[in-house]
Amino acid sequence: MKGIVFTEFLELVETKFGYEVVDEIITKSELPSSGIYTSVGTYAFSEMLQLLTHLSHHTQLSIDNLLYVYGGHFFGVLEKNYADILSSYTGPLELLNSIENHIHVHVRKIYPDAELPRFEVVEKSLHKMTMIYYSDRAMYSFAKALMEKAFSYYKKDALITLQKIQEDGTQVQFNIEMI
């Protein structure tokens, strides 16, 4: 997992819960990196899972809820650093439809070893889209928040629902309807 995901996560934790909580979740985790991350480094997902687990225990929020909040935060990072890419799309459905063939292509140019989720568009019309999310990391709540923030970015409203295809969240169907 790319370091920017870790650095931004810890920044969010510090902003929302304070430096003491950042220190606590790092100290309680058994991290090969010792909790020292660079945005361009690559780290094991198991480290993120440990940090999330300890943060969940501390806050009494589920990991899914924490990932959802983090996804909302991370869209702001994308908006700040990649506004040119976002502005090249006319709307959120066009953006979401291009994840595999354009967005992830750009990400792989910047981070060749990035392990990205896969999104398969199985149905698309002018106002609706159905996508299947595939990832061993089961960060579908993070993905949902990114989608919702994309709609906000384009000043559009949508109802985004999800249905787990695999109970562990490694395959999830997103149903997106503009309203």
N, C-alpha and C. Protein backbone atom coordinates (compact mmCIF):
# COMPACT_ATOMS: atom_id res chain seq x y z
N MET A 1 0.86 -1.16 0.00
CA MET A 1 0.00 0.00 0.00
C MET A 1 0.91 1.23 0.00
N LYS A 2 0.55 2.22 -0.81
CA LYS A 2 1.39 3.39 -0.95
C LYS A 2 1.39 4.24 0.32
N GLY A 3 2.53 4.83 0.58
CA GLY A 3 2.74 5.61 1.79
C GLY A 3 1.81 6.79 1.95
N ILE A 4 1.39 7.39 0.84
CA ILE A 4 0.48 8.53 0.94
C ILE A 4 -0.81 8.15 1.67
N VAL A 5 -1.22 6.90 1.52
CA VAL A 5 -2.42 6.43 2.21
C VAL A 5 -2.18 6.43 3.72
N PHE A 6 -0.99 6.07 4.14
CA PHE A 6 -0.63 6.07 5.57
C PHE A 6 -0.44 7.48 6.10
N THR A 7 0.32 8.30 5.37
CA THR A 7 0.59 9.65 5.87
C THR A 7 -0.68 10.46 6.00
N GLU A 8 -1.56 10.34 5.04
CA GLU A 8 -2.83 11.08 5.11
C GLU A 8 -3.74 10.52 6.20
N PHE A 9 -3.70 9.21 6.40
CA PHE A 9 -4.49 8.61 7.46
C PHE A 9 -4.05 9.15 8.82
N LEU A 10 -2.75 9.15 9.06
CA LEU A 10 -2.25 9.64 10.35
C LEU A 10 -2.51 11.13 10.53
N GLU A 11 -2.47 11.88 9.43
CA GLU A 11 -2.80 13.30 9.51
C GLU A 11 -4.27 13.48 9.90
N LEU A 12 -5.14 12.68 9.31
CA LEU A 12 -6.56 12.74 9.66
C LEU A 12 -6.78 12.38 11.13
N VAL A 13 -6.13 11.31 11.59
CA VAL A 13 -6.27 10.89 12.99
C VAL A 13 -5.80 12.01 13.92
N GLU A 14 -4.69 12.63 13.60
CA GLU A 14 -4.19 13.73 14.44
C GLU A 14 -5.18 14.90 14.45
N THR A 15 -5.74 15.23 13.30
CA THR A 15 -6.68 16.35 13.21
C THR A 15 -7.96 16.06 13.99
N LYS A 16 -8.48 14.85 13.85
CA LYS A 16 -9.76 14.49 14.48
C LYS A 16 -9.63 14.12 15.95
N PHE A 17 -8.53 13.43 16.31
CA PHE A 17 -8.44 12.83 17.64
C PHE A 17 -7.22 13.29 18.45
N GLY A 18 -6.26 13.96 17.79
CA GLY A 18 -5.10 14.46 18.50
C GLY A 18 -3.87 13.59 18.32
N TYR A 19 -2.74 14.22 18.56
CA TYR A 19 -1.46 13.53 18.40
C TYR A 19 -1.32 12.35 19.35
N GLU A 20 -1.89 12.47 20.54
CA GLU A 20 -1.78 11.39 21.52
C GLU A 20 -2.39 10.10 20.99
N VAL A 21 -3.49 10.22 20.25
CA VAL A 21 -4.14 9.03 19.68
C VAL A 21 -3.26 8.45 18.57
N VAL A 22 -2.66 9.30 17.76
CA VAL A 22 -1.73 8.81 16.74
C VAL A 22 -0.62 8.01 17.41
N ASP A 23 -0.03 8.57 18.45
CA ASP A 23 1.04 7.90 19.17
C ASP A 23 0.55 6.57 19.76
N GLU A 24 -0.65 6.59 20.33
CA GLU A 24 -1.20 5.38 20.94
C GLU A 24 -1.39 4.26 19.93
N ILE A 25 -2.00 4.56 18.77
CA ILE A 25 -2.27 3.49 17.81
C ILE A 25 -0.99 2.97 17.18
N ILE A 26 0.00 3.84 17.02
CA ILE A 26 1.29 3.38 16.50
C ILE A 26 1.99 2.49 17.53
N THR A 27 1.99 2.93 18.79
CA THR A 27 2.66 2.19 19.86
C THR A 27 2.02 0.82 20.07
N LYS A 28 0.70 0.73 20.00
CA LYS A 28 0.01 -0.54 20.22
C LYS A 28 0.15 -1.51 19.05
N SER A 29 0.52 -1.00 17.89
CA SER A 29 0.64 -1.84 16.70
C SER A 29 2.05 -2.39 16.58
N GLU A 30 2.16 -3.54 15.96
CA GLU A 30 3.47 -4.14 15.68
C GLU A 30 3.80 -3.85 14.22
N LEU A 31 4.43 -2.70 13.99
CA LEU A 31 4.64 -2.20 12.65
C LEU A 31 6.10 -2.37 12.22
N PRO A 32 6.34 -3.13 11.15
CA PRO A 32 7.72 -3.24 10.64
C PRO A 32 8.33 -1.87 10.32
N SER A 33 7.47 -0.91 9.94
CA SER A 33 7.95 0.43 9.61
C SER A 33 8.16 1.30 10.85
N SER A 34 7.75 0.81 12.00
CA SER A 34 7.75 1.58 13.25
C SER A 34 6.84 2.81 13.17
N GLY A 35 5.94 2.82 12.19
CA GLY A 35 5.02 3.95 12.05
C GLY A 35 5.65 5.14 11.37
N ILE A 36 6.78 4.93 10.72
CA ILE A 36 7.46 6.00 10.00
C ILE A 36 7.20 5.79 8.51
N TYR A 37 6.40 6.69 7.94
CA TYR A 37 5.96 6.53 6.55
C TYR A 37 6.39 7.72 5.71
N THR A 38 6.71 7.44 4.45
CA THR A 38 6.91 8.50 3.47
C THR A 38 5.80 8.34 2.43
N SER A 39 5.41 9.42 1.83
CA SER A 39 4.29 9.36 0.89
C SER A 39 4.58 8.49 -0.33
N VAL A 40 5.84 8.35 -0.69
CA VAL A 40 6.18 7.55 -1.87
C VAL A 40 6.61 6.12 -1.54
N GLY A 41 6.71 5.80 -0.26
CA GLY A 41 7.09 4.45 0.15
C GLY A 41 5.96 3.46 -0.08
N THR A 42 6.26 2.20 0.10
CA THR A 42 5.26 1.14 -0.01
C THR A 42 5.31 0.33 1.28
N TYR A 43 4.12 0.07 1.85
CA TYR A 43 4.03 -0.59 3.14
C TYR A 43 2.94 -1.66 3.08
N ALA A 44 3.04 -2.62 3.97
CA ALA A 44 2.09 -3.72 4.00
C ALA A 44 0.72 -3.24 4.47
N PHE A 45 -0.32 -3.74 3.84
CA PHE A 45 -1.67 -3.41 4.25
C PHE A 45 -1.92 -3.83 5.69
N SER A 46 -1.22 -4.86 6.15
CA SER A 46 -1.40 -5.31 7.53
C SER A 46 -1.09 -4.18 8.52
N GLU A 47 -0.21 -3.28 8.16
CA GLU A 47 0.07 -2.14 9.03
C GLU A 47 -1.14 -1.22 9.13
N MET A 48 -1.78 -0.95 8.00
CA MET A 48 -2.98 -0.11 8.01
C MET A 48 -4.08 -0.79 8.82
N LEU A 49 -4.21 -2.09 8.65
CA LEU A 49 -5.24 -2.82 9.38
C LEU A 49 -5.00 -2.74 10.89
N GLN A 50 -3.76 -2.85 11.32
CA GLN A 50 -3.46 -2.71 12.75
C GLN A 50 -3.81 -1.31 13.26
N LEU A 51 -3.42 -0.29 12.51
CA LEU A 51 -3.72 1.09 12.91
C LEU A 51 -5.23 1.31 12.99
N LEU A 52 -5.96 0.82 12.00
CA LEU A 52 -7.42 0.94 12.00
C LEU A 52 -8.04 0.20 13.18
N THR A 53 -7.54 -0.99 13.45
CA THR A 53 -8.08 -1.79 14.54
C THR A 53 -7.89 -1.09 15.88
N HIS A 54 -6.72 -0.54 16.10
CA HIS A 54 -6.47 0.16 17.37
C HIS A 54 -7.26 1.47 17.44
N LEU A 55 -7.41 2.14 16.31
CA LEU A 55 -8.22 3.36 16.31
C LEU A 55 -9.68 3.03 16.56
N SER A 56 -10.15 1.95 15.99
CA SER A 56 -11.52 1.51 16.20
C SER A 56 -11.76 1.21 17.68
N HIS A 57 -10.81 0.53 18.28
CA HIS A 57 -10.93 0.21 19.71
C HIS A 57 -10.95 1.49 20.55
N HIS A 58 -10.09 2.43 20.21
CA HIS A 58 -10.01 3.68 20.97
C HIS A 58 -11.27 4.53 20.82
N THR A 59 -11.80 4.60 19.60
CA THR A 59 -12.93 5.51 19.32
C THR A 59 -14.29 4.83 19.45
N GLN A 60 -14.30 3.51 19.50
CA GLN A 60 -15.54 2.73 19.49
C GLN A 60 -16.31 2.90 18.18
N LEU A 61 -15.62 3.28 17.11
CA LEU A 61 -16.20 3.37 15.77
C LEU A 61 -15.76 2.13 14.99
N SER A 62 -16.63 1.62 14.14
CA SER A 62 -16.27 0.45 13.35
C SER A 62 -15.19 0.81 12.33
N ILE A 63 -14.45 -0.18 11.91
CA ILE A 63 -13.44 0.03 10.87
C ILE A 63 -14.10 0.56 9.61
N ASP A 64 -15.26 0.04 9.24
CA ASP A 64 -15.97 0.56 8.06
C ASP A 64 -16.29 2.04 8.21
N ASN A 65 -16.75 2.47 9.39
CA ASN A 65 -17.04 3.89 9.60
C ASN A 65 -15.76 4.72 9.52
N LEU A 66 -14.68 4.22 10.08
CA LEU A 66 -13.42 4.95 10.01
C LEU A 66 -12.92 5.06 8.57
N LEU A 67 -13.04 3.98 7.81
CA LEU A 67 -12.64 4.02 6.41
C LEU A 67 -13.50 4.98 5.61
N TYR A 68 -14.78 5.06 5.95
CA TYR A 68 -15.67 5.98 5.27
C TYR A 68 -15.25 7.44 5.52
N VAL A 69 -14.98 7.76 6.76
CA VAL A 69 -14.51 9.11 7.10
C VAL A 69 -13.19 9.39 6.39
N TYR A 70 -12.32 8.41 6.39
CA TYR A 70 -11.02 8.59 5.74
C TYR A 70 -11.18 8.79 4.24
N GLY A 71 -12.09 8.06 3.62
CA GLY A 71 -12.33 8.23 2.18
C GLY A 71 -12.76 9.65 1.85
N GLY A 72 -13.61 10.23 2.69
CA GLY A 72 -14.02 11.61 2.49
C GLY A 72 -12.84 12.56 2.59
N HIS A 73 -11.99 12.32 3.56
CA HIS A 73 -10.77 13.13 3.72
C HIS A 73 -9.85 12.97 2.51
N PHE A 74 -9.69 11.74 2.06
CA PHE A 74 -8.73 11.47 0.99
C PHE A 74 -9.17 12.09 -0.32
N PHE A 75 -10.47 12.23 -0.55
CA PHE A 75 -10.91 12.90 -1.76
C PHE A 75 -10.39 14.34 -1.77
N GLY A 76 -10.37 14.98 -0.62
CA GLY A 76 -9.81 16.32 -0.53
C GLY A 76 -8.36 16.36 -0.94
N VAL A 77 -7.61 15.33 -0.61
CA VAL A 77 -6.20 15.23 -1.01
C VAL A 77 -6.12 15.11 -2.53
N LEU A 78 -6.99 14.28 -3.11
CA LEU A 78 -7.00 14.11 -4.56
C LEU A 78 -7.39 15.41 -5.24
N GLU A 79 -8.38 16.08 -4.69
CA GLU A 79 -8.84 17.35 -5.26
C GLU A 79 -7.71 18.39 -5.24
N LYS A 80 -6.98 18.43 -4.16
CA LYS A 80 -5.88 19.40 -4.02
C LYS A 80 -4.72 19.08 -4.97
N ASN A 81 -4.35 17.81 -5.05
CA ASN A 81 -3.16 17.42 -5.81
C ASN A 81 -3.42 17.06 -7.27
N TYR A 82 -4.66 16.73 -7.60
CA TYR A 82 -4.95 16.26 -8.96
C TYR A 82 -6.18 16.95 -9.54
N ALA A 83 -6.33 18.23 -9.25
CA ALA A 83 -7.48 19.00 -9.74
C ALA A 83 -7.55 18.97 -11.26
N ASP A 84 -6.41 18.94 -11.91
CA ASP A 84 -6.41 18.91 -13.38
C ASP A 84 -7.08 17.65 -13.92
N ILE A 85 -6.87 16.54 -13.26
CA ILE A 85 -7.53 15.30 -13.70
C ILE A 85 -9.03 15.38 -13.44
N LEU A 86 -9.42 15.83 -12.25
CA LEU A 86 -10.84 15.94 -11.93
C LEU A 86 -11.55 16.90 -12.88
N SER A 87 -10.91 18.00 -13.21
CA SER A 87 -11.55 18.99 -14.08
C SER A 87 -11.63 18.54 -15.53
N SER A 88 -10.95 17.46 -15.87
CA SER A 88 -11.02 16.96 -17.25
C SER A 88 -12.30 16.16 -17.51
N TYR A 89 -13.09 15.92 -16.47
CA TYR A 89 -14.35 15.19 -16.61
C TYR A 89 -15.52 16.16 -16.47
N THR A 90 -16.60 15.87 -17.18
CA THR A 90 -17.77 16.75 -17.14
C THR A 90 -18.69 16.44 -15.97
N GLY A 91 -18.55 15.26 -15.38
CA GLY A 91 -19.42 14.91 -14.27
C GLY A 91 -18.97 13.66 -13.56
N PRO A 92 -19.64 13.34 -12.45
CA PRO A 92 -19.20 12.22 -11.60
C PRO A 92 -19.35 10.85 -12.25
N LEU A 93 -20.40 10.64 -13.02
CA LEU A 93 -20.54 9.32 -13.65
C LEU A 93 -19.45 9.09 -14.68
N GLU A 94 -19.09 10.14 -15.41
CA GLU A 94 -18.00 10.03 -16.38
C GLU A 94 -16.69 9.71 -15.65
N LEU A 95 -16.46 10.38 -14.52
CA LEU A 95 -15.27 10.11 -13.72
C LEU A 95 -15.25 8.67 -13.24
N LEU A 96 -16.34 8.22 -12.63
CA LEU A 96 -16.39 6.85 -12.10
C LEU A 96 -16.24 5.82 -13.21
N ASN A 97 -16.82 6.11 -14.37
CA ASN A 97 -16.72 5.19 -15.51
C ASN A 97 -15.29 5.05 -16.01
N SER A 98 -14.45 6.03 -15.71
CA SER A 98 -13.08 6.03 -16.24
C SER A 98 -12.04 5.53 -15.24
N ILE A 99 -12.47 5.04 -14.10
CA ILE A 99 -11.50 4.64 -13.07
C ILE A 99 -10.47 3.66 -13.61
N GLU A 100 -10.91 2.60 -14.23
CA GLU A 100 -9.97 1.56 -14.69
C GLU A 100 -9.14 2.01 -15.88
N ASN A 101 -9.75 2.67 -16.85
CA ASN A 101 -9.07 2.98 -18.11
C ASN A 101 -8.34 4.31 -18.13
N HIS A 102 -8.54 5.13 -17.11
CA HIS A 102 -7.86 6.42 -17.11
C HIS A 102 -7.24 6.75 -15.75
N ILE A 103 -8.06 6.79 -14.70
CA ILE A 103 -7.57 7.17 -13.38
C ILE A 103 -6.47 6.23 -12.90
N HIS A 104 -6.75 4.93 -12.91
CA HIS A 104 -5.77 3.97 -12.42
C HIS A 104 -4.53 3.92 -13.32
N VAL A 105 -4.68 4.24 -14.60
CA VAL A 105 -3.53 4.33 -15.50
C VAL A 105 -2.60 5.45 -15.03
N HIS A 106 -3.19 6.61 -14.67
CA HIS A 106 -2.39 7.72 -14.14
C HIS A 106 -1.72 7.35 -12.82
N VAL A 107 -2.46 6.68 -11.96
CA VAL A 107 -1.90 6.29 -10.66
C VAL A 107 -0.71 5.36 -10.87
N ARG A 108 -0.83 4.42 -11.80
CA ARG A 108 0.27 3.47 -12.03
C ARG A 108 1.50 4.15 -12.65
N LYS A 109 1.29 5.25 -13.37
CA LYS A 109 2.43 6.01 -13.89
C LYS A 109 3.21 6.64 -12.74
N ILE A 110 2.48 7.15 -11.75
CA ILE A 110 3.11 7.80 -10.61
C ILE A 110 3.66 6.76 -9.63
N TYR A 111 2.86 5.71 -9.40
CA TYR A 111 3.22 4.66 -8.44
C TYR A 111 3.14 3.30 -9.14
N PRO A 112 4.18 2.91 -9.88
CA PRO A 112 4.12 1.67 -10.67
C PRO A 112 3.80 0.41 -9.87
N ASP A 113 4.15 0.38 -8.59
CA ASP A 113 3.92 -0.82 -7.79
C ASP A 113 2.64 -0.74 -6.96
N ALA A 114 1.78 0.25 -7.25
CA ALA A 114 0.54 0.40 -6.49
C ALA A 114 -0.38 -0.81 -6.72
N GLU A 115 -0.97 -1.29 -5.65
CA GLU A 115 -1.94 -2.38 -5.73
C GLU A 115 -3.32 -1.74 -5.57
N LEU A 116 -4.00 -1.60 -6.68
CA LEU A 116 -5.26 -0.87 -6.70
C LEU A 116 -6.45 -1.81 -6.73
N PRO A 117 -7.58 -1.35 -6.20
CA PRO A 117 -8.79 -2.16 -6.36
C PRO A 117 -9.18 -2.15 -7.83
N ARG A 118 -10.06 -3.05 -8.19
CA ARG A 118 -10.56 -3.09 -9.57
C ARG A 118 -12.04 -2.74 -9.54
N PHE A 119 -12.46 -1.96 -10.52
CA PHE A 119 -13.86 -1.58 -10.65
C PHE A 119 -14.35 -2.01 -12.03
N GLU A 120 -15.42 -2.76 -12.04
CA GLU A 120 -16.01 -3.20 -13.29
C GLU A 120 -17.38 -2.53 -13.42
N VAL A 121 -17.55 -1.76 -14.48
CA VAL A 121 -18.84 -1.14 -14.75
C VAL A 121 -19.68 -2.19 -15.47
N VAL A 122 -20.78 -2.60 -14.85
CA VAL A 122 -21.62 -3.64 -15.46
C VAL A 122 -22.88 -3.06 -16.09
N GLU A 123 -23.21 -1.83 -15.73
CA GLU A 123 -24.37 -1.18 -16.33
C GLU A 123 -24.19 0.33 -16.19
N LYS A 124 -24.50 1.04 -17.26
CA LYS A 124 -24.37 2.50 -17.21
C LYS A 124 -25.41 3.11 -18.14
N SER A 125 -26.10 4.11 -17.61
CA SER A 125 -27.00 4.92 -18.43
C SER A 125 -26.71 6.37 -18.10
N LEU A 126 -27.54 7.26 -18.57
CA LEU A 126 -27.31 8.69 -18.37
C LEU A 126 -27.32 9.08 -16.89
N HIS A 127 -28.15 8.40 -16.09
CA HIS A 127 -28.31 8.78 -14.68
C HIS A 127 -28.04 7.66 -13.69
N LYS A 128 -27.65 6.49 -14.17
CA LYS A 128 -27.43 5.35 -13.28
C LYS A 128 -26.16 4.61 -13.68
N MET A 129 -25.60 3.94 -12.69
CA MET A 129 -24.44 3.11 -12.95
C MET A 129 -24.39 2.00 -11.90
N THR A 130 -23.99 0.83 -12.34
CA THR A 130 -23.73 -0.28 -11.43
C THR A 130 -22.28 -0.69 -11.64
N MET A 131 -21.54 -0.74 -10.54
CA MET A 131 -20.13 -1.10 -10.57
C MET A 131 -19.88 -2.22 -9.58
N ILE A 132 -18.95 -3.08 -9.92
CA ILE A 132 -18.49 -4.10 -8.99
C ILE A 132 -17.07 -3.72 -8.56
N TYR A 133 -16.89 -3.69 -7.25
CA TYR A 133 -15.60 -3.38 -6.63
C TYR A 133 -14.96 -4.70 -6.24
N TYR A 134 -13.69 -4.87 -6.60
CA TYR A 134 -12.92 -6.07 -6.25
C TYR A 134 -11.65 -5.63 -5.54
N SER A 135 -11.46 -6.09 -4.32
CA SER A 135 -10.21 -5.81 -3.62
C SER A 135 -10.07 -6.75 -2.43
N ASP A 136 -8.91 -7.36 -2.30
CA ASP A 136 -8.63 -8.21 -1.14
C ASP A 136 -8.62 -7.40 0.15
N ARG A 137 -8.50 -6.09 0.04
CA ARG A 137 -8.43 -5.23 1.23
C ARG A 137 -9.80 -4.85 1.79
N ALA A 138 -10.83 -5.08 1.03
CA ALA A 138 -12.21 -4.82 1.48
C ALA A 138 -12.39 -3.40 2.02
N MET A 139 -11.87 -2.43 1.30
CA MET A 139 -12.00 -1.02 1.70
C MET A 139 -13.15 -0.35 0.95
N TYR A 140 -14.25 -1.06 0.83
CA TYR A 140 -15.40 -0.56 0.07
C TYR A 140 -16.02 0.68 0.70
N SER A 141 -15.93 0.85 2.00
CA SER A 141 -16.45 2.06 2.65
C SER A 141 -15.62 3.28 2.24
N PHE A 142 -14.33 3.10 2.11
CA PHE A 142 -13.43 4.13 1.62
C PHE A 142 -13.85 4.51 0.19
N ALA A 143 -14.10 3.49 -0.65
CA ALA A 143 -14.50 3.73 -2.04
C ALA A 143 -15.84 4.46 -2.10
N LYS A 144 -16.78 4.07 -1.26
CA LYS A 144 -18.09 4.72 -1.26
C LYS A 144 -17.96 6.21 -0.92
N ALA A 145 -17.16 6.52 0.07
CA ALA A 145 -16.96 7.93 0.44
C ALA A 145 -16.32 8.71 -0.71
N LEU A 146 -15.35 8.11 -1.38
CA LEU A 146 -14.74 8.77 -2.54
C LEU A 146 -15.79 9.05 -3.61
N MET A 147 -16.67 8.09 -3.86
CA MET A 147 -17.73 8.27 -4.85
C MET A 147 -18.65 9.42 -4.45
N GLU A 148 -19.07 9.42 -3.20
CA GLU A 148 -19.98 10.47 -2.73
C GLU A 148 -19.32 11.85 -2.83
N LYS A 149 -18.05 11.93 -2.49
CA LYS A 149 -17.34 13.21 -2.59
C LYS A 149 -17.18 13.63 -4.05
N ALA A 150 -17.06 12.67 -4.95
CA ALA A 150 -16.99 13.01 -6.37
C ALA A 150 -18.29 13.69 -6.81
N PHE A 151 -19.41 13.18 -6.35
CA PHE A 151 -20.68 13.82 -6.69
C PHE A 151 -20.74 15.23 -6.11
N SER A 152 -20.28 15.40 -4.89
CA SER A 152 -20.26 16.74 -4.28
C SER A 152 -19.36 17.68 -5.07
N TYR A 153 -18.22 17.18 -5.50
CA TYR A 153 -17.27 17.98 -6.28
C TYR A 153 -17.93 18.56 -7.53
N TYR A 154 -18.74 17.73 -8.19
CA TYR A 154 -19.42 18.16 -9.42
C TYR A 154 -20.79 18.79 -9.14
N LYS A 155 -21.08 19.00 -7.85
CA LYS A 155 -22.34 19.62 -7.41
C LYS A 155 -23.57 18.86 -7.93
N LYS A 156 -23.49 17.55 -7.78
CA LYS A 156 -24.58 16.66 -8.17
C LYS A 156 -24.96 15.83 -6.95
N ASP A 157 -26.20 15.38 -6.92
CA ASP A 157 -26.67 14.51 -5.85
C ASP A 157 -26.86 13.10 -6.39
N ALA A 158 -26.62 12.15 -5.53
CA ALA A 158 -26.77 10.75 -5.92
C ALA A 158 -27.13 9.90 -4.72
N LEU A 159 -27.79 8.81 -5.00
CA LEU A 159 -28.02 7.78 -4.00
C LEU A 159 -27.07 6.64 -4.37
N ILE A 160 -26.17 6.33 -3.45
CA ILE A 160 -25.19 5.26 -3.69
C ILE A 160 -25.44 4.19 -2.64
N THR A 161 -25.84 3.03 -3.11
CA THR A 161 -26.06 1.90 -2.21
C THR A 161 -25.07 0.81 -2.56
N LEU A 162 -24.83 -0.06 -1.61
CA LEU A 162 -23.91 -1.16 -1.87
C LEU A 162 -24.50 -2.46 -1.37
N GLN A 163 -24.07 -3.50 -2.02
CA GLN A 163 -24.48 -4.85 -1.64
C GLN A 163 -23.22 -5.72 -1.71
N LYS A 164 -22.92 -6.37 -0.60
CA LYS A 164 -21.76 -7.25 -0.59
C LYS A 164 -22.05 -8.50 -1.42
N ILE A 165 -21.18 -8.77 -2.35
CA ILE A 165 -21.27 -10.01 -3.13
C ILE A 165 -20.55 -11.11 -2.34
N GLN A 166 -19.40 -10.75 -1.79
CA GLN A 166 -18.68 -11.63 -0.87
C GLN A 166 -18.86 -11.05 0.54
N GLU A 167 -19.22 -11.86 1.48
CA GLU A 167 -19.51 -11.39 2.84
C GLU A 167 -18.34 -10.64 3.46
N ASP A 168 -17.11 -10.99 3.07
CA ASP A 168 -15.94 -10.32 3.65
C ASP A 168 -15.66 -8.95 3.02
N GLY A 169 -16.49 -8.54 2.07
CA GLY A 169 -16.35 -7.22 1.46
C GLY A 169 -15.30 -7.13 0.37
N THR A 170 -14.78 -8.26 -0.09
CA THR A 170 -13.78 -8.23 -1.15
C THR A 170 -14.41 -8.04 -2.53
N GLN A 171 -15.71 -8.27 -2.63
CA GLN A 171 -16.47 -7.98 -3.85
C GLN A 171 -17.77 -7.32 -3.42
N VAL A 172 -17.99 -6.12 -3.93
CA VAL A 172 -19.15 -5.33 -3.53
C VAL A 172 -19.75 -4.69 -4.78
N GLN A 173 -21.06 -4.73 -4.85
CA GLN A 173 -21.76 -4.06 -5.95
C GLN A 173 -22.22 -2.69 -5.47
N PHE A 174 -21.86 -1.67 -6.24
CA PHE A 174 -22.33 -0.31 -5.98
C PHE A 174 -23.40 0.04 -6.99
N ASN A 175 -24.54 0.48 -6.49
CA ASN A 175 -25.62 0.97 -7.34
C ASN A 175 -25.68 2.47 -7.16
N ILE A 176 -25.50 3.21 -8.23
CA ILE A 176 -25.38 4.65 -8.19
C ILE A 176 -26.50 5.24 -9.02
N GLU A 177 -27.27 6.12 -8.42
CA GLU A 177 -28.37 6.76 -9.13
C GLU A 177 -28.34 8.26 -8.85
N MET A 178 -28.22 9.05 -9.90
CA MET A 178 -28.25 10.50 -9.74
C MET A 178 -29.68 10.90 -9.39
N ILE A 179 -29.81 11.84 -8.46
CA ILE A 179 -31.15 12.31 -8.06
C ILE A 179 -31.24 13.82 -8.20
